[in-house]
Amino acid sequence: MNLIKQIAIFIIALNFGVIYSQNDKKLSFGITAGFNYNANGVYTVKNSSNEIIDEFDATKKTGYHGGIYIQYKSNSMYVRPEVVYSKTKSTYDTTDFDQTKIEIPILVGFDVVKPVSIFVGPSFQYVLENEFENIDAENIDVQSDFAVNFQAGIAFELFKQIRIDLRYEKGISDNILSIKNDSNIILGTLNTKPEQIVLNVALKF
């Protein structure tokens, strides 16, 4: 099942949730948005003989995200799927790398002491666009548009309508992006596996 079908199913489920939540206080839904402070993996520069010339670690930069969620809660436990549009940013030496993607975290949380909870879960991502400064898009080739990340964090609920959470996200497996010249020779590789701190604010309808 491709990502578009997964998102469509989630939106349909959300619409049913909107109707059902009128009679079930365990189910809630809303919007979510915030900022991410991200760094991807090492950028390796090569020559035409595939020899390594230099390597650069990422400098973290601030990106942003926004989307929707639905949450089902029973007693002190909840399950919270989200669909989020995300833009992450990193810098290598003086070159910026931006990645645009759709993320679908599936989070399981537990109340610690009201209004505080902790949560953990996978985040499935689909890359929409990779942008490397001063490099044409046709010269960029990524290993896979799909990846799985891991999220964990702590959440605070305010006035029963607003939730603020701070989460840590890290890629589970390497995902290599290759930079090629017009002769299709690889001149550099970048591990796009993310590591980021995410500040998120959600509003319950």
C-alpha atoms as a PDB file:
ATOM      1  CA  MET A   1       0.000   0.000   0.000  1.00  0.00           C
ATOM      2  CA  ASN A   2       1.568   3.302  -1.042  1.00  0.00           C
ATOM      3  CA  LEU A   3       1.747   6.433   1.083  1.00  0.00           C
ATOM      4  CA  ILE A   4      -1.089   8.259  -0.714  1.00  0.00           C
ATOM      5  CA  LYS A   5      -3.493   5.405   0.101  1.00  0.00           C
ATOM      6  CA  GLN A   6      -2.298   5.393   3.703  1.00  0.00           C
ATOM      7  CA  ILE A   7      -2.954   9.131   4.038  1.00  0.00           C
ATOM      8  CA  ALA A   8      -6.388   8.759   2.411  1.00  0.00           C
ATOM      9  CA  ILE A   9      -7.325   5.999   4.846  1.00  0.00           C
ATOM     10  CA  PHE A  10      -6.133   8.136   7.753  1.00  0.00           C
ATOM     11  CA  ILE A  11      -8.210  11.139   6.612  1.00  0.00           C
ATOM     12  CA  ILE A  12     -11.303   8.942   6.190  1.00  0.00           C
ATOM     13  CA  ALA A  13     -10.721   7.521   9.656  1.00  0.00           C
ATOM     14  CA  LEU A  14     -10.336  11.057  10.984  1.00  0.00           C
ATOM     15  CA  ASN A  15     -13.686  12.069   9.498  1.00  0.00           C
ATOM     16  CA  PHE A  16     -15.378   9.117  11.157  1.00  0.00           C
ATOM     17  CA  GLY A  17     -13.578  10.091  14.337  1.00  0.00           C
ATOM     18  CA  VAL A  18     -15.010  13.599  14.166  1.00  0.00           C
ATOM     19  CA  ILE A  19     -18.538  12.157  14.104  1.00  0.00           C
ATOM     20  CA  TYR A  20     -17.903   9.438  16.659  1.00  0.00           C
ATOM     21  CA  SER A  21     -16.084  11.717  19.105  1.00  0.00           C
ATOM     22  CA  GLN A  22     -19.302  13.640  19.681  1.00  0.00           C
ATOM     23  CA  ASN A  23     -20.520  10.624  21.639  1.00  0.00           C
ATOM     24  CA  ASP A  24     -17.220   9.208  22.877  1.00  0.00           C
ATOM     25  CA  LYS A  25     -14.984  11.320  25.088  1.00  0.00           C
ATOM     26  CA  LYS A  26     -12.140   8.820  24.631  1.00  0.00           C
ATOM     27  CA  LEU A  27     -11.589   9.974  21.050  1.00  0.00           C
ATOM     28  CA  SER A  28     -10.189  13.395  20.133  1.00  0.00           C
ATOM     29  CA  PHE A  29      -8.721  15.086  17.062  1.00  0.00           C
ATOM     30  CA  GLY A  30      -7.128  18.362  16.056  1.00  0.00           C
ATOM     31  CA  ILE A  31      -4.235  20.153  14.386  1.00  0.00           C
ATOM     32  CA  THR A  32      -0.565  20.151  15.267  1.00  0.00           C
ATOM     33  CA  ALA A  33       2.387  22.403  14.335  1.00  0.00           C
ATOM     34  CA  GLY A  34       5.798  23.453  15.537  1.00  0.00           C
ATOM     35  CA  PHE A  35       9.536  23.591  14.929  1.00  0.00           C
ATOM     36  CA  ASN A  36      12.294  21.029  14.515  1.00  0.00           C
ATOM     37  CA  TYR A  37      16.011  21.431  15.210  1.00  0.00           C
ATOM     38  CA  ASN A  38      17.610  18.936  12.849  1.00  0.00           C
ATOM     39  CA  ALA A  39      20.886  17.511  11.589  1.00  0.00           C
ATOM     40  CA  ASN A  40      21.347  14.803   8.983  1.00  0.00           C
ATOM     41  CA  GLY A  41      24.327  12.473   8.671  1.00  0.00           C
ATOM     42  CA  VAL A  42      27.836  12.930   7.255  1.00  0.00           C
ATOM     43  CA  TYR A  43      28.398  14.509   3.816  1.00  0.00           C
ATOM     44  CA  THR A  44      31.289  12.796   1.969  1.00  0.00           C
ATOM     45  CA  VAL A  45      32.953  14.571  -0.974  1.00  0.00           C
ATOM     46  CA  LYS A  46      34.584  12.370  -3.643  1.00  0.00           C
ATOM     47  CA  ASN A  47      36.527  12.878  -6.851  1.00  0.00           C
ATOM     48  CA  SER A  48      35.813  11.290 -10.233  1.00  0.00           C
ATOM     49  CA  SER A  49      37.885   8.239  -9.187  1.00  0.00           C
ATOM     50  CA  ASN A  50      35.547   7.647  -6.220  1.00  0.00           C
ATOM     51  CA  GLU A  51      38.255   8.647  -3.743  1.00  0.00           C
ATOM     52  CA  ILE A  52      37.197  10.522  -0.588  1.00  0.00           C
ATOM     53  CA  ILE A  53      38.393  14.132  -0.599  1.00  0.00           C
ATOM     54  CA  ASP A  54      36.699  15.439   2.531  1.00  0.00           C
ATOM     55  CA  GLU A  55      33.910  14.763   5.019  1.00  0.00           C
ATOM     56  CA  PHE A  56      31.594  17.218   6.776  1.00  0.00           C
ATOM     57  CA  ASP A  57      29.321  16.816   9.785  1.00  0.00           C
ATOM     58  CA  ALA A  58      25.996  18.627   9.707  1.00  0.00           C
ATOM     59  CA  THR A  59      25.353  21.900  11.495  1.00  0.00           C
ATOM     60  CA  LYS A  60      21.840  21.875  12.946  1.00  0.00           C
ATOM     61  CA  LYS A  61      19.247  24.353  11.694  1.00  0.00           C
ATOM     62  CA  THR A  62      15.606  25.051  12.532  1.00  0.00           C
ATOM     63  CA  GLY A  63      12.806  23.804  10.303  1.00  0.00           C
ATOM     64  CA  TYR A  64       9.041  23.539  10.731  1.00  0.00           C
ATOM     65  CA  HIS A  65       6.088  21.153  10.495  1.00  0.00           C
ATOM     66  CA  GLY A  66       2.297  21.087  10.572  1.00  0.00           C
ATOM     67  CA  GLY A  67      -0.488  18.532  10.272  1.00  0.00           C
ATOM     68  CA  ILE A  68      -3.418  16.730  11.887  1.00  0.00           C
ATOM     69  CA  TYR A  69      -3.847  14.039  14.527  1.00  0.00           C
ATOM     70  CA  ILE A  70      -6.421  11.709  16.043  1.00  0.00           C
ATOM     71  CA  GLN A  71      -6.076  10.256  19.537  1.00  0.00           C
ATOM     72  CA  TYR A  72      -7.824   7.451  21.350  1.00  0.00           C
ATOM     73  CA  LYS A  73      -7.389   7.359  25.118  1.00  0.00           C
ATOM     74  CA  SER A  74      -8.407   4.659  27.581  1.00  0.00           C
ATOM     75  CA  ASN A  75      -7.670   5.241  31.257  1.00  0.00           C
ATOM     76  CA  SER A  76      -4.010   6.341  31.453  1.00  0.00           C
ATOM     77  CA  MET A  77      -2.947   5.085  28.000  1.00  0.00           C
ATOM     78  CA  TYR A  78      -3.442   6.612  24.548  1.00  0.00           C
ATOM     79  CA  VAL A  79      -2.679   5.899  20.891  1.00  0.00           C
ATOM     80  CA  ARG A  80      -2.001   8.921  18.691  1.00  0.00           C
ATOM     81  CA  PRO A  81      -1.501   8.685  14.875  1.00  0.00           C
ATOM     82  CA  GLU A  82      -0.491  11.899  13.094  1.00  0.00           C
ATOM     83  CA  VAL A  83      -0.037  13.015   9.474  1.00  0.00           C
ATOM     84  CA  VAL A  84       2.530  15.823   9.290  1.00  0.00           C
ATOM     85  CA  TYR A  85       4.113  17.922   6.523  1.00  0.00           C
ATOM     86  CA  SER A  86       7.703  18.565   7.597  1.00  0.00           C
ATOM     87  CA  LYS A  87      10.618  20.707   6.368  1.00  0.00           C
ATOM     88  CA  THR A  88      14.048  19.933   7.865  1.00  0.00           C
ATOM     89  CA  LYS A  89      17.257  21.924   7.345  1.00  0.00           C
ATOM     90  CA  SER A  90      20.974  21.244   7.807  1.00  0.00           C
ATOM     91  CA  THR A  91      24.197  22.981   6.759  1.00  0.00           C
ATOM     92  CA  TYR A  92      27.422  21.321   5.580  1.00  0.00           C
ATOM     93  CA  ASP A  93      30.348  23.753   5.743  1.00  0.00           C
ATOM     94  CA  THR A  94      28.691  26.604   3.806  1.00  0.00           C
ATOM     95  CA  THR A  95      26.156  24.515   1.842  1.00  0.00           C
ATOM     96  CA  ASP A  96      22.520  24.134   2.921  1.00  0.00           C
ATOM     97  CA  PHE A  97      20.532  20.904   2.611  1.00  0.00           C
ATOM     98  CA  ASP A  98      16.726  20.976   2.931  1.00  0.00           C
ATOM     99  CA  GLN A  99      14.378  17.993   2.951  1.00  0.00           C
ATOM    100  CA  THR A 100      10.593  18.138   2.555  1.00  0.00           C
ATOM    101  CA  LYS A 101       8.589  15.086   3.603  1.00  0.00           C
ATOM    102  CA  ILE A 102       5.326  13.630   4.872  1.00  0.00           C
ATOM    103  CA  GLU A 103       5.667  11.918   8.253  1.00  0.00           C
ATOM    104  CA  ILE A 104       3.179   9.544   9.907  1.00  0.00           C
ATOM    105  CA  PRO A 105       4.092   9.000  13.576  1.00  0.00           C
ATOM    106  CA  ILE A 106       2.155   6.284  15.415  1.00  0.00           C
ATOM    107  CA  LEU A 107       2.659   7.137  19.076  1.00  0.00           C
ATOM    108  CA  VAL A 108       1.705   5.251  22.238  1.00  0.00           C
ATOM    109  CA  GLY A 109       1.593   7.330  25.422  1.00  0.00           C
ATOM    110  CA  PHE A 110       1.075   6.912  29.141  1.00  0.00           C
ATOM    111  CA  ASP A 111       0.024   9.429  31.779  1.00  0.00           C
ATOM    112  CA  VAL A 112       2.672   9.974  34.439  1.00  0.00           C
ATOM    113  CA  VAL A 113       1.072  12.619  36.641  1.00  0.00           C
ATOM    114  CA  LYS A 114      -1.706  14.701  35.125  1.00  0.00           C
ATOM    115  CA  PRO A 115      -1.241  16.743  32.989  1.00  0.00           C
ATOM    116  CA  VAL A 116       2.100  15.114  32.078  1.00  0.00           C
ATOM    117  CA  SER A 117       2.536  12.070  29.831  1.00  0.00           C
ATOM    118  CA  ILE A 118       5.356  10.271  28.041  1.00  0.00           C
ATOM    119  CA  PHE A 119       5.150   8.645  24.611  1.00  0.00           C
ATOM    120  CA  VAL A 120       7.099   6.566  22.113  1.00  0.00           C
ATOM    121  CA  GLY A 121       6.612   5.089  18.651  1.00  0.00           C
ATOM    122  CA  PRO A 122       7.732   4.788  15.017  1.00  0.00           C
ATOM    123  CA  SER A 123       7.454   7.578  12.470  1.00  0.00           C
ATOM    124  CA  PHE A 124       7.023   6.545   8.837  1.00  0.00           C
ATOM    125  CA  GLN A 125       8.274   9.135   6.348  1.00  0.00           C
ATOM    126  CA  TYR A 126       7.977   9.729   2.615  1.00  0.00           C
ATOM    127  CA  VAL A 127      10.426  12.221   1.075  1.00  0.00           C
ATOM    128  CA  LEU A 128       8.825  14.730  -1.273  1.00  0.00           C
ATOM    129  CA  GLU A 129      11.921  16.759  -2.162  1.00  0.00           C
ATOM    130  CA  ASN A 130      15.659  16.946  -1.495  1.00  0.00           C
ATOM    131  CA  GLU A 131      17.276  20.353  -2.039  1.00  0.00           C
ATOM    132  CA  PHE A 132      21.055  20.756  -1.984  1.00  0.00           C
ATOM    133  CA  GLU A 133      22.222  24.357  -2.455  1.00  0.00           C
ATOM    134  CA  ASN A 134      23.688  25.096  -5.925  1.00  0.00           C
ATOM    135  CA  ILE A 135      23.020  21.531  -7.150  1.00  0.00           C
ATOM    136  CA  ASP A 136      20.369  20.783  -9.778  1.00  0.00           C
ATOM    137  CA  ALA A 137      17.625  18.370  -8.715  1.00  0.00           C
ATOM    138  CA  GLU A 138      18.359  16.019 -11.640  1.00  0.00           C
ATOM    139  CA  ASN A 139      21.876  15.499 -10.242  1.00  0.00           C
ATOM    140  CA  ILE A 140      20.528  14.252  -6.899  1.00  0.00           C
ATOM    141  CA  ASP A 141      19.589  10.599  -6.440  1.00  0.00           C
ATOM    142  CA  VAL A 142      18.300   9.201  -3.127  1.00  0.00           C
ATOM    143  CA  GLN A 143      18.490   5.543  -2.106  1.00  0.00           C
ATOM    144  CA  SER A 144      14.832   5.437  -1.038  1.00  0.00           C
ATOM    145  CA  ASP A 145      11.943   7.877  -0.651  1.00  0.00           C
ATOM    146  CA  PHE A 146      10.660   5.839   2.302  1.00  0.00           C
ATOM    147  CA  ALA A 147      12.236   5.597   5.763  1.00  0.00           C
ATOM    148  CA  VAL A 148      11.321   4.732   9.343  1.00  0.00           C
ATOM    149  CA  ASN A 149      12.334   6.903  12.292  1.00  0.00           C
ATOM    150  CA  PHE A 150      11.934   6.553  16.057  1.00  0.00           C
ATOM    151  CA  GLN A 151      10.283   9.151  18.307  1.00  0.00           C
ATOM    152  CA  ALA A 152      10.059   9.529  22.085  1.00  0.00           C
ATOM    153  CA  GLY A 153       9.070  12.476  24.224  1.00  0.00           C
ATOM    154  CA  ILE A 154       7.142  14.159  27.000  1.00  0.00           C
ATOM    155  CA  ALA A 155       3.840  16.055  26.710  1.00  0.00           C
ATOM    156  CA  PHE A 156       2.009  18.654  28.807  1.00  0.00           C
ATOM    157  CA  GLU A 157      -1.736  19.233  28.477  1.00  0.00           C
ATOM    158  CA  LEU A 158      -3.048  22.744  29.183  1.00  0.00           C
ATOM    159  CA  PHE A 159      -6.711  23.630  29.747  1.00  0.00           C
ATOM    160  CA  LYS A 160      -7.715  20.247  28.209  1.00  0.00           C
ATOM    161  CA  GLN A 161      -7.505  21.822  24.721  1.00  0.00           C
ATOM    162  CA  ILE A 162      -3.807  22.555  24.190  1.00  0.00           C
ATOM    163  CA  ARG A 163      -0.962  20.063  24.240  1.00  0.00           C
ATOM    164  CA  ILE A 164       2.723  20.975  24.161  1.00  0.00           C
ATOM    165  CA  ASP A 165       5.233  18.208  23.626  1.00  0.00           C
ATOM    166  CA  LEU A 166       8.978  17.927  23.223  1.00  0.00           C
ATOM    167  CA  ARG A 167      10.189  14.892  21.319  1.00  0.00           C
ATOM    168  CA  TYR A 168      13.447  13.347  20.137  1.00  0.00           C
ATOM    169  CA  GLU A 169      13.501  11.744  16.694  1.00  0.00           C
ATOM    170  CA  LYS A 170      16.227   9.646  15.094  1.00  0.00           C
ATOM    171  CA  GLY A 171      16.399   7.654  11.878  1.00  0.00           C
ATOM    172  CA  ILE A 172      16.575   3.895  12.336  1.00  0.00           C
ATOM    173  CA  SER A 173      18.496   3.031   9.157  1.00  0.00           C
ATOM    174  CA  ASP A 174      20.891   4.823   6.797  1.00  0.00           C
ATOM    175  CA  ASN A 175      19.425   6.400   3.654  1.00  0.00           C
ATOM    176  CA  ILE A 176      22.141   7.550   1.255  1.00  0.00           C
ATOM    177  CA  LEU A 177      21.697  10.467  -1.139  1.00  0.00           C
ATOM    178  CA  SER A 178      24.143  10.609  -4.069  1.00  0.00           C
ATOM    179  CA  ILE A 179      25.263  13.772  -5.878  1.00  0.00           C
ATOM    180  CA  LYS A 180      26.280  13.150  -9.490  1.00  0.00           C
ATOM    181  CA  ASN A 181      27.732  15.192 -12.311  1.00  0.00           C
ATOM    182  CA  ASP A 182      26.279  15.324 -15.820  1.00  0.00           C
ATOM    183  CA  SER A 183      28.258  12.170 -16.700  1.00  0.00           C
ATOM    184  CA  ASN A 184      26.485  10.283 -13.894  1.00  0.00           C
ATOM    185  CA  ILE A 185      29.676  10.026 -11.815  1.00  0.00           C
ATOM    186  CA  ILE A 186      29.108  10.235  -8.046  1.00  0.00           C
ATOM    187  CA  LEU A 187      30.931  13.257  -6.596  1.00  0.00           C
ATOM    188  CA  GLY A 188      29.475  13.089  -3.090  1.00  0.00           C
ATOM    189  CA  THR A 189      27.181  11.168  -0.766  1.00  0.00           C
ATOM    190  CA  LEU A 190      25.013  12.325   2.120  1.00  0.00           C
ATOM    191  CA  ASN A 191      23.420  10.177   4.793  1.00  0.00           C
ATOM    192  CA  THR A 192      19.940  11.716   5.114  1.00  0.00           C
ATOM    193  CA  LYS A 193      19.125   9.825   8.344  1.00  0.00           C
ATOM    194  CA  PRO A 194      17.764  12.566  10.641  1.00  0.00           C
ATOM    195  CA  GLU A 195      18.443  13.339  14.274  1.00  0.00           C
ATOM    196  CA  GLN A 196      16.257  16.112  15.615  1.00  0.00           C
ATOM    197  CA  ILE A 197      14.568  17.736  18.578  1.00  0.00           C
ATOM    198  CA  VAL A 198      10.933  18.597  17.838  1.00  0.00           C
ATOM    199  CA  LEU A 199       8.816  21.184  19.667  1.00  0.00           C
ATOM    200  CA  ASN A 200       5.163  20.603  18.934  1.00  0.00           C
ATOM    201  CA  VAL A 201       1.918  22.388  19.859  1.00  0.00           C
ATOM    202  CA  ALA A 202      -1.464  20.727  19.253  1.00  0.00           C
ATOM    203  CA  LEU A 203      -4.966  22.193  19.464  1.00  0.00           C
ATOM    204  CA  LYS A 204      -7.864  19.822  20.188  1.00  0.00           C
ATOM    205  CA  PHE A 205     -11.202  20.572  18.497  1.00  0.00           C
END
